[in-house]
Amino acid sequence: MLDVFRFAWFAVRTFFGIGLLILAVETSMWMLVKVHSMATGNLESDAALRRVNSYNTAGIGHKDRPAAAASSGSPSRPHALSGSEP
């Protein structure tokens, strides 16, 4: 009879222990997000995007390029261009 109560106490402790562990992880993630947002709060929201775009345009050498025309065949299916399948 004592074993049933011992197992029940173990189950209750495990349940609350896992719950507290999950709560601690969520709290630490929330704090990390708050600290990070405070550290980067004065930055412009699209600064990283503008930096990437300026790097890409400087490296390529042009601002806008028209879209490439789609080919009728695919590199994995060279017979699609000639119309004859093996």
PDB file of N, CA and C in Angstrom:
ATOM      1  N   MET A   1       0.831  -1.198   0.000  1.00  0.00           N
ATOM      2  CA  MET A   1       0.000   0.000   0.000  1.00  0.00           C
ATOM      3  C   MET A   1       0.868   1.250   0.000  1.00  0.00           C
ATOM      4  N   LEU A   2       1.986   1.171   0.702  1.00  0.00           N
ATOM      5  CA  LEU A   2       2.877   2.321   0.779  1.00  0.00           C
ATOM      6  C   LEU A   2       3.508   2.635  -0.582  1.00  0.00           C
ATOM      7  N   ASP A   3       3.696   1.591  -1.394  1.00  0.00           N
ATOM      8  CA  ASP A   3       4.299   1.799  -2.713  1.00  0.00           C
ATOM      9  C   ASP A   3       3.406   2.634  -3.620  1.00  0.00           C
ATOM     10  N   VAL A   4       2.103   2.524  -3.488  1.00  0.00           N
ATOM     11  CA  VAL A   4       1.182   3.298  -4.313  1.00  0.00           C
ATOM     12  C   VAL A   4       1.336   4.784  -3.995  1.00  0.00           C
ATOM     13  N   PHE A   5       1.408   5.121  -2.711  1.00  0.00           N
ATOM     14  CA  PHE A   5       1.563   6.524  -2.327  1.00  0.00           C
ATOM     15  C   PHE A   5       2.943   7.059  -2.720  1.00  0.00           C
ATOM     16  N   ARG A   6       3.945   6.200  -2.618  1.00  0.00           N
ATOM     17  CA  ARG A   6       5.286   6.610  -3.015  1.00  0.00           C
ATOM     18  C   ARG A   6       5.314   6.911  -4.518  1.00  0.00           C
ATOM     19  N   PHE A   7       4.683   6.059  -5.322  1.00  0.00           N
ATOM     20  CA  PHE A   7       4.629   6.290  -6.769  1.00  0.00           C
ATOM     21  C   PHE A   7       3.809   7.547  -7.080  1.00  0.00           C
ATOM     22  N   ALA A   8       2.700   7.740  -6.379  1.00  0.00           N
ATOM     23  CA  ALA A   8       1.877   8.928  -6.615  1.00  0.00           C
ATOM     24  C   ALA A   8       2.658  10.192  -6.283  1.00  0.00           C
ATOM     25  N   TRP A   9       3.408  10.183  -5.190  1.00  0.00           N
ATOM     26  CA  TRP A   9       4.211  11.354  -4.820  1.00  0.00           C
ATOM     27  C   TRP A   9       5.298  11.604  -5.872  1.00  0.00           C
ATOM     28  N   PHE A  10       5.910  10.531  -6.387  1.00  0.00           N
ATOM     29  CA  PHE A  10       6.911  10.659  -7.448  1.00  0.00           C
ATOM     30  C   PHE A  10       6.283  11.261  -8.703  1.00  0.00           C
ATOM     31  N   ALA A  11       5.081  10.803  -9.067  1.00  0.00           N
ATOM     32  CA  ALA A  11       4.413  11.315 -10.265  1.00  0.00           C
ATOM     33  C   ALA A  11       4.063  12.798 -10.117  1.00  0.00           C
ATOM     34  N   VAL A  12       3.581  13.183  -8.948  1.00  0.00           N
ATOM     35  CA  VAL A  12       3.226  14.587  -8.707  1.00  0.00           C
ATOM     36  C   VAL A  12       4.480  15.460  -8.753  1.00  0.00           C
ATOM     37  N   ARG A  13       5.554  15.013  -8.089  1.00  0.00           N
ATOM     38  CA  ARG A  13       6.793  15.786  -8.117  1.00  0.00           C
ATOM     39  C   ARG A  13       7.340  15.915  -9.528  1.00  0.00           C
ATOM     40  N   THR A  14       7.281  14.839 -10.312  1.00  0.00           N
ATOM     41  CA  THR A  14       7.775  14.873 -11.686  1.00  0.00           C
ATOM     42  C   THR A  14       6.941  15.818 -12.528  1.00  0.00           C
ATOM     43  N   PHE A  15       5.626  15.762 -12.387  1.00  0.00           N
ATOM     44  CA  PHE A  15       4.738  16.636 -13.158  1.00  0.00           C
ATOM     45  C   PHE A  15       5.040  18.100 -12.867  1.00  0.00           C
ATOM     46  N   PHE A  16       5.103  18.465 -11.590  1.00  0.00           N
ATOM     47  CA  PHE A  16       5.373  19.854 -11.241  1.00  0.00           C
ATOM     48  C   PHE A  16       6.809  20.258 -11.567  1.00  0.00           C
ATOM     49  N   GLY A  17       7.732  19.330 -11.474  1.00  0.00           N
ATOM     50  CA  GLY A  17       9.123  19.632 -11.833  1.00  0.00           C
ATOM     51  C   GLY A  17       9.272  19.950 -13.310  1.00  0.00           C
ATOM     52  N   ILE A  18       8.624  19.150 -14.161  1.00  0.00           N
ATOM     53  CA  ILE A  18       8.675  19.416 -15.600  1.00  0.00           C
ATOM     54  C   ILE A  18       7.956  20.724 -15.919  1.00  0.00           C
ATOM     55  N   GLY A  19       6.839  20.970 -15.243  1.00  0.00           N
ATOM     56  CA  GLY A  19       6.124  22.232 -15.451  1.00  0.00           C
ATOM     57  C   GLY A  19       6.978  23.433 -15.079  1.00  0.00           C
ATOM     58  N   LEU A  20       7.678  23.353 -13.945  1.00  0.00           N
ATOM     59  CA  LEU A  20       8.567  24.442 -13.535  1.00  0.00           C
ATOM     60  C   LEU A  20       9.747  24.606 -14.489  1.00  0.00           C
ATOM     61  N   LEU A  21      10.249  23.503 -15.008  1.00  0.00           N
ATOM     62  CA  LEU A  21      11.343  23.578 -15.978  1.00  0.00           C
ATOM     63  C   LEU A  21      10.902  24.288 -17.250  1.00  0.00           C
ATOM     64  N   ILE A  22       9.723  23.953 -17.751  1.00  0.00           N
ATOM     65  CA  ILE A  22       9.186  24.613 -18.945  1.00  0.00           C
ATOM     66  C   ILE A  22       8.953  26.095 -18.672  1.00  0.00           C
ATOM     67  N   LEU A  23       8.418  26.408 -17.513  1.00  0.00           N
ATOM     68  CA  LEU A  23       8.189  27.807 -17.144  1.00  0.00           C
ATOM     69  C   LEU A  23       9.507  28.577 -17.053  1.00  0.00           C
ATOM     70  N   ALA A  24      10.537  27.961 -16.504  1.00  0.00           N
ATOM     71  CA  ALA A  24      11.838  28.621 -16.405  1.00  0.00           C
ATOM     72  C   ALA A  24      12.447  28.864 -17.781  1.00  0.00           C
ATOM     73  N   VAL A  25      12.302  27.905 -18.688  1.00  0.00           N
ATOM     74  CA  VAL A  25      12.840  28.078 -20.043  1.00  0.00           C
ATOM     75  C   VAL A  25      12.090  29.191 -20.767  1.00  0.00           C
ATOM     76  N   GLU A  26      10.772  29.212 -20.650  1.00  0.00           N
ATOM     77  CA  GLU A  26       9.992  30.271 -21.294  1.00  0.00           C
ATOM     78  C   GLU A  26      10.333  31.639 -20.713  1.00  0.00           C
ATOM     79  N   THR A  27      10.521  31.724 -19.410  1.00  0.00           N
ATOM     80  CA  THR A  27      10.883  32.991 -18.781  1.00  0.00           C
ATOM     81  C   THR A  27      12.252  33.457 -19.247  1.00  0.00           C
ATOM     82  N   SER A  28      13.196  32.545 -19.335  1.00  0.00           N
ATOM     83  CA  SER A  28      14.534  32.943 -19.784  1.00  0.00           C
ATOM     84  C   SER A  28      14.515  33.385 -21.242  1.00  0.00           C
ATOM     85  N   MET A  29      13.722  32.735 -22.094  1.00  0.00           N
ATOM     86  CA  MET A  29      13.613  33.177 -23.486  1.00  0.00           C
ATOM     87  C   MET A  29      12.951  34.541 -23.569  1.00  0.00           C
ATOM     88  N   TRP A  30      11.934  34.782 -22.743  1.00  0.00           N
ATOM     89  CA  TRP A  30      11.261  36.080 -22.734  1.00  0.00           C
ATOM     90  C   TRP A  30      12.235  37.171 -22.313  1.00  0.00           C
ATOM     91  N   MET A  31      13.042  36.881 -21.283  1.00  0.00           N
ATOM     92  CA  MET A  31      14.017  37.864 -20.829  1.00  0.00           C
ATOM     93  C   MET A  31      15.077  38.127 -21.889  1.00  0.00           C
ATOM     94  N   LEU A  32      15.504  37.082 -22.586  1.00  0.00           N
ATOM     95  CA  LEU A  32      16.490  37.252 -23.647  1.00  0.00           C
ATOM     96  C   LEU A  32      15.943  38.136 -24.760  1.00  0.00           C
ATOM     97  N   VAL A  33      14.696  37.933 -25.138  1.00  0.00           N
ATOM     98  CA  VAL A  33      14.083  38.765 -26.174  1.00  0.00           C
ATOM     99  C   VAL A  33      13.973  40.206 -25.703  1.00  0.00           C
ATOM    100  N   LYS A  34      13.589  40.425 -24.454  1.00  0.00           N
ATOM    101  CA  LYS A  34      13.467  41.787 -23.930  1.00  0.00           C
ATOM    102  C   LYS A  34      14.821  42.487 -23.887  1.00  0.00           C
ATOM    103  N   VAL A  35      15.849  41.794 -23.422  1.00  0.00           N
ATOM    104  CA  VAL A  35      17.181  42.394 -23.357  1.00  0.00           C
ATOM    105  C   VAL A  35      17.687  42.698 -24.761  1.00  0.00           C
ATOM    106  N   HIS A  36      17.465  41.771 -25.682  1.00  0.00           N
ATOM    107  CA  HIS A  36      17.917  41.989 -27.057  1.00  0.00           C
ATOM    108  C   HIS A  36      17.186  43.153 -27.698  1.00  0.00           C
ATOM    109  N   SER A  37      15.886  43.266 -27.461  1.00  0.00           N
ATOM    110  CA  SER A  37      15.135  44.369 -28.058  1.00  0.00           C
ATOM    111  C   SER A  37      15.519  45.700 -27.419  1.00  0.00           C
ATOM    112  N   MET A  38      15.894  45.696 -26.146  1.00  0.00           N
ATOM    113  CA  MET A  38      16.366  46.935 -25.525  1.00  0.00           C
ATOM    114  C   MET A  38      17.727  47.332 -26.087  1.00  0.00           C
ATOM    115  N   ALA A  39      18.572  46.342 -26.367  1.00  0.00           N
ATOM    116  CA  ALA A  39      19.903  46.632 -26.885  1.00  0.00           C
ATOM    117  C   ALA A  39      19.844  47.153 -28.314  1.00  0.00           C
ATOM    118  N   THR A  40      18.888  46.693 -29.089  1.00  0.00           N
ATOM    119  CA  THR A  40      18.793  47.109 -30.488  1.00  0.00           C
ATOM    120  C   THR A  40      17.585  48.006 -30.725  1.00  0.00           C
ATOM    121  N   GLY A  41      17.015  48.559 -29.690  1.00  0.00           N
ATOM    122  CA  GLY A  41      15.802  49.356 -29.827  1.00  0.00           C
ATOM    123  C   GLY A  41      16.000  50.660 -30.558  1.00  0.00           C
ATOM    124  N   ASN A  42      17.199  51.250 -30.482  1.00  0.00           N
ATOM    125  CA  ASN A  42      17.413  52.532 -31.130  1.00  0.00           C
ATOM    126  C   ASN A  42      17.850  52.387 -32.584  1.00  0.00           C
ATOM    127  N   LEU A  43      18.035  51.174 -33.051  1.00  0.00           N
ATOM    128  CA  LEU A  43      18.410  50.957 -34.446  1.00  0.00           C
ATOM    129  C   LEU A  43      17.183  51.031 -35.338  1.00  0.00           C
ATOM    130  N   GLU A  44      17.413  51.356 -36.582  1.00  0.00           N
ATOM    131  CA  GLU A  44      16.305  51.372 -37.535  1.00  0.00           C
ATOM    132  C   GLU A  44      15.884  49.938 -37.825  1.00  0.00           C
ATOM    133  N   SER A  45      14.605  49.740 -38.039  1.00  0.00           N
ATOM    134  CA  SER A  45      14.095  48.384 -38.197  1.00  0.00           C
ATOM    135  C   SER A  45      14.557  47.733 -39.495  1.00  0.00           C
ATOM    136  N   ASP A  46      14.793  48.517 -40.537  1.00  0.00           N
ATOM    137  CA  ASP A  46      15.192  47.924 -41.810  1.00  0.00           C
ATOM    138  C   ASP A  46      16.659  48.189 -42.137  1.00  0.00           C
ATOM    139  N   ALA A  47      17.478  48.451 -41.135  1.00  0.00           N
ATOM    140  CA  ALA A  47      18.891  48.755 -41.375  1.00  0.00           C
ATOM    141  C   ALA A  47      19.618  47.551 -41.973  1.00  0.00           C
ATOM    142  N   ALA A  48      19.342  46.360 -41.468  1.00  0.00           N
ATOM    143  CA  ALA A  48      20.021  45.172 -41.983  1.00  0.00           C
ATOM    144  C   ALA A  48      19.612  44.894 -43.420  1.00  0.00           C
ATOM    145  N   LEU A  49      18.338  45.069 -43.733  1.00  0.00           N
ATOM    146  CA  LEU A  49      17.875  44.842 -45.099  1.00  0.00           C
ATOM    147  C   LEU A  49      18.520  45.835 -46.060  1.00  0.00           C
ATOM    148  N   ARG A  50      18.611  47.089 -45.669  1.00  0.00           N
ATOM    149  CA  ARG A  50      19.243  48.084 -46.531  1.00  0.00           C
ATOM    150  C   ARG A  50      20.728  47.778 -46.710  1.00  0.00           C
ATOM    151  N   ARG A  51      21.389  47.290 -45.664  1.00  0.00           N
ATOM    152  CA  ARG A  51      22.802  46.952 -45.770  1.00  0.00           C
ATOM    153  C   ARG A  51      23.005  45.790 -46.740  1.00  0.00           C
ATOM    154  N   VAL A  52      22.150  44.778 -46.672  1.00  0.00           N
ATOM    155  CA  VAL A  52      22.260  43.644 -47.593  1.00  0.00           C
ATOM    156  C   VAL A  52      21.977  44.092 -49.018  1.00  0.00           C
ATOM    157  N   ASN A  53      20.946  44.909 -49.194  1.00  0.00           N
ATOM    158  CA  ASN A  53      20.626  45.386 -50.539  1.00  0.00           C
ATOM    159  C   ASN A  53      21.748  46.233 -51.115  1.00  0.00           C
ATOM    160  N   SER A  54      22.358  47.084 -50.316  1.00  0.00           N
ATOM    161  CA  SER A  54      23.450  47.910 -50.831  1.00  0.00           C
ATOM    162  C   SER A  54      24.665  47.046 -51.159  1.00  0.00           C
ATOM    163  N   TYR A  55      24.907  46.015 -50.368  1.00  0.00           N
ATOM    164  CA  TYR A  55      26.014  45.105 -50.675  1.00  0.00           C
ATOM    165  C   TYR A  55      25.757  44.365 -51.975  1.00  0.00           C
ATOM    166  N   ASN A  56      24.528  43.883 -52.152  1.00  0.00           N
ATOM    167  CA  ASN A  56      24.208  43.138 -53.372  1.00  0.00           C
ATOM    168  C   ASN A  56      24.300  44.020 -54.608  1.00  0.00           C
ATOM    169  N   THR A  57      23.787  45.233 -54.545  1.00  0.00           N
ATOM    170  CA  THR A  57      23.836  46.099 -55.725  1.00  0.00           C
ATOM    171  C   THR A  57      25.263  46.536 -56.018  1.00  0.00           C
ATOM    172  N   ALA A  58      26.089  46.742 -54.991  1.00  0.00           N
ATOM    173  CA  ALA A  58      27.481  47.125 -55.214  1.00  0.00           C
ATOM    174  C   ALA A  58      28.265  45.968 -55.817  1.00  0.00           C
ATOM    175  N   GLY A  59      27.985  44.758 -55.379  1.00  0.00           N
ATOM    176  CA  GLY A  59      28.708  43.595 -55.893  1.00  0.00           C
ATOM    177  C   GLY A  59      28.304  43.228 -57.301  1.00  0.00           C
ATOM    178  N   ILE A  60      27.062  43.400 -57.634  1.00  0.00           N
ATOM    179  CA  ILE A  60      26.569  43.032 -58.956  1.00  0.00           C
ATOM    180  C   ILE A  60      26.888  44.128 -59.964  1.00  0.00           C
ATOM    181  N   GLY A  61      26.785  45.352 -59.566  1.00  0.00           N
ATOM    182  CA  GLY A  61      27.118  46.449 -60.445  1.00  0.00           C
ATOM    183  C   GLY A  61      25.921  47.082 -61.123  1.00  0.00           C
ATOM    184  N   HIS A  62      24.725  46.687 -60.789  1.00  0.00           N
ATOM    185  CA  HIS A  62      23.526  47.314 -61.335  1.00  0.00           C
ATOM    186  C   HIS A  62      22.417  47.237 -60.315  1.00  0.00           C
ATOM    187  N   LYS A  63      21.440  48.120 -60.469  1.00  0.00           N
ATOM    188  CA  LYS A  63      20.361  48.167 -59.480  1.00  0.00           C
ATOM    189  C   LYS A  63      19.261  47.168 -59.782  1.00  0.00           C
ATOM    190  N   ASP A  64      18.700  47.248 -60.949  1.00  0.00           N
ATOM    191  CA  ASP A  64      17.594  46.360 -61.302  1.00  0.00           C
ATOM    192  C   ASP A  64      17.931  45.629 -62.591  1.00  0.00           C
ATOM    193  N   ARG A  65      17.498  44.410 -62.660  1.00  0.00           N
ATOM    194  CA  ARG A  65      17.720  43.618 -63.858  1.00  0.00           C
ATOM    195  C   ARG A  65      16.401  42.981 -64.244  1.00  0.00           C
ATOM    196  N   PRO A  66      16.048  42.998 -65.519  1.00  0.00           N
ATOM    197  CA  PRO A  66      14.791  42.359 -65.913  1.00  0.00           C
ATOM    198  C   PRO A  66      14.861  40.849 -65.687  1.00  0.00           C
ATOM    199  N   ALA A  67      13.724  40.281 -65.477  1.00  0.00           N
ATOM    200  CA  ALA A  67      13.656  38.837 -65.217  1.00  0.00           C
ATOM    201  C   ALA A  67      14.083  38.066 -66.451  1.00  0.00           C
ATOM    202  N   ALA A  68      14.768  36.962 -66.231  1.00  0.00           N
ATOM    203  CA  ALA A  68      15.225  36.132 -67.341  1.00  0.00           C
ATOM    204  C   ALA A  68      14.043  35.397 -67.953  1.00  0.00           C
ATOM    205  N   ALA A  69      14.108  35.204 -69.267  1.00  0.00           N
ATOM    206  CA  ALA A  69      13.045  34.474 -69.954  1.00  0.00           C
ATOM    207  C   ALA A  69      13.125  33.004 -69.589  1.00  0.00           C
ATOM    208  N   ALA A  70      12.004  32.401 -69.354  1.00  0.00           N
ATOM    209  CA  ALA A  70      11.969  30.989 -68.988  1.00  0.00           C
ATOM    210  C   ALA A  70      12.183  30.139 -70.228  1.00  0.00           C
ATOM    211  N   SER A  71      13.034  29.133 -70.107  1.00  0.00           N
ATOM    212  CA  SER A  71      13.271  28.240 -71.245  1.00  0.00           C
ATOM    213  C   SER A  71      12.237  27.138 -71.248  1.00  0.00           C
ATOM    214  N   SER A  72      12.013  26.575 -72.413  1.00  0.00           N
ATOM    215  CA  SER A  72      10.991  25.540 -72.521  1.00  0.00           C
ATOM    216  C   SER A  72      11.502  24.199 -72.034  1.00  0.00           C
ATOM    217  N   GLY A  73      12.795  24.006 -72.028  1.00  0.00           N
ATOM    218  CA  GLY A  73      13.349  22.727 -71.577  1.00  0.00           C
ATOM    219  C   GLY A  73      13.987  22.861 -70.222  1.00  0.00           C
ATOM    220  N   SER A  74      14.293  21.763 -69.632  1.00  0.00           N
ATOM    221  CA  SER A  74      14.926  21.798 -68.332  1.00  0.00           C
ATOM    222  C   SER A  74      16.274  21.113 -68.434  1.00  0.00           C
ATOM    223  N   PRO A  75      17.266  21.524 -67.642  1.00  0.00           N
ATOM    224  CA  PRO A  75      18.591  20.899 -67.718  1.00  0.00           C
ATOM    225  C   PRO A  75      18.566  19.421 -67.373  1.00  0.00           C
ATOM    226  N   SER A  76      17.621  19.016 -66.566  1.00  0.00           N
ATOM    227  CA  SER A  76      17.557  17.606 -66.211  1.00  0.00           C
ATOM    228  C   SER A  76      16.840  16.783 -67.270  1.00  0.00           C
ATOM    229  N   ARG A  77      16.174  17.452 -68.226  1.00  0.00           N
ATOM    230  CA  ARG A  77      15.471  16.759 -69.310  1.00  0.00           C
ATOM    231  C   ARG A  77      15.881  17.361 -70.644  1.00  0.00           C
ATOM    232  N   PRO A  78      17.078  17.047 -71.152  1.00  0.00           N
ATOM    233  CA  PRO A  78      17.525  17.660 -72.404  1.00  0.00           C
ATOM    234  C   PRO A  78      16.678  17.269 -73.601  1.00  0.00           C
ATOM    235  N   HIS A  79      15.995  16.129 -73.537  1.00  0.00           N
ATOM    236  CA  HIS A  79      15.155  15.708 -74.657  1.00  0.00           C
ATOM    237  C   HIS A  79      13.896  16.549 -74.781  1.00  0.00           C
ATOM    238  N   ALA A  80      13.587  17.340 -73.749  1.00  0.00           N
ATOM    239  CA  ALA A  80      12.373  18.162 -73.811  1.00  0.00           C
ATOM    240  C   ALA A  80      12.501  19.246 -74.859  1.00  0.00           C
ATOM    241  N   LEU A  81      13.724  19.672 -75.175  1.00  0.00           N
ATOM    242  CA  LEU A  81      13.918  20.702 -76.201  1.00  0.00           C
ATOM    243  C   LEU A  81      13.694  20.136 -77.603  1.00  0.00           C
ATOM    244  N   SER A  82      14.142  18.904 -77.834  1.00  0.00           N
ATOM    245  CA  SER A  82      14.040  18.342 -79.182  1.00  0.00           C
ATOM    246  C   SER A  82      12.690  17.674 -79.420  1.00  0.00           C
ATOM    247  N   GLY A  83      12.010  17.299 -78.394  1.00  0.00           N
ATOM    248  CA  GLY A  83      10.699  16.678 -78.532  1.00  0.00           C
ATOM    249  C   GLY A  83      10.762  15.168 -78.656  1.00  0.00           C
ATOM    250  N   SER A  84      11.942  14.591 -78.686  1.00  0.00           N
ATOM    251  CA  SER A  84      12.049  13.136 -78.787  1.00  0.00           C
ATOM    252  C   SER A  84      12.448  12.571 -77.450  1.00  0.00           C
ATOM    253  N   GLU A  85      11.661  11.656 -76.959  1.00  0.00           N
ATOM    254  CA  GLU A  85      11.974  11.026 -75.687  1.00  0.00           C
ATOM    255  C   GLU A  85      12.595   9.672 -75.931  1.00  0.00           C
ATOM    256  N   PRO A  86      13.481   9.239 -75.062  1.00  0.00           N
ATOM    257  CA  PRO A  86      14.132   7.921 -75.251  1.00  0.00           C
ATOM    258  C   PRO A  86      13.184   6.764 -75.075  1.00  0.00           C
TER     259      PRO A  86
END
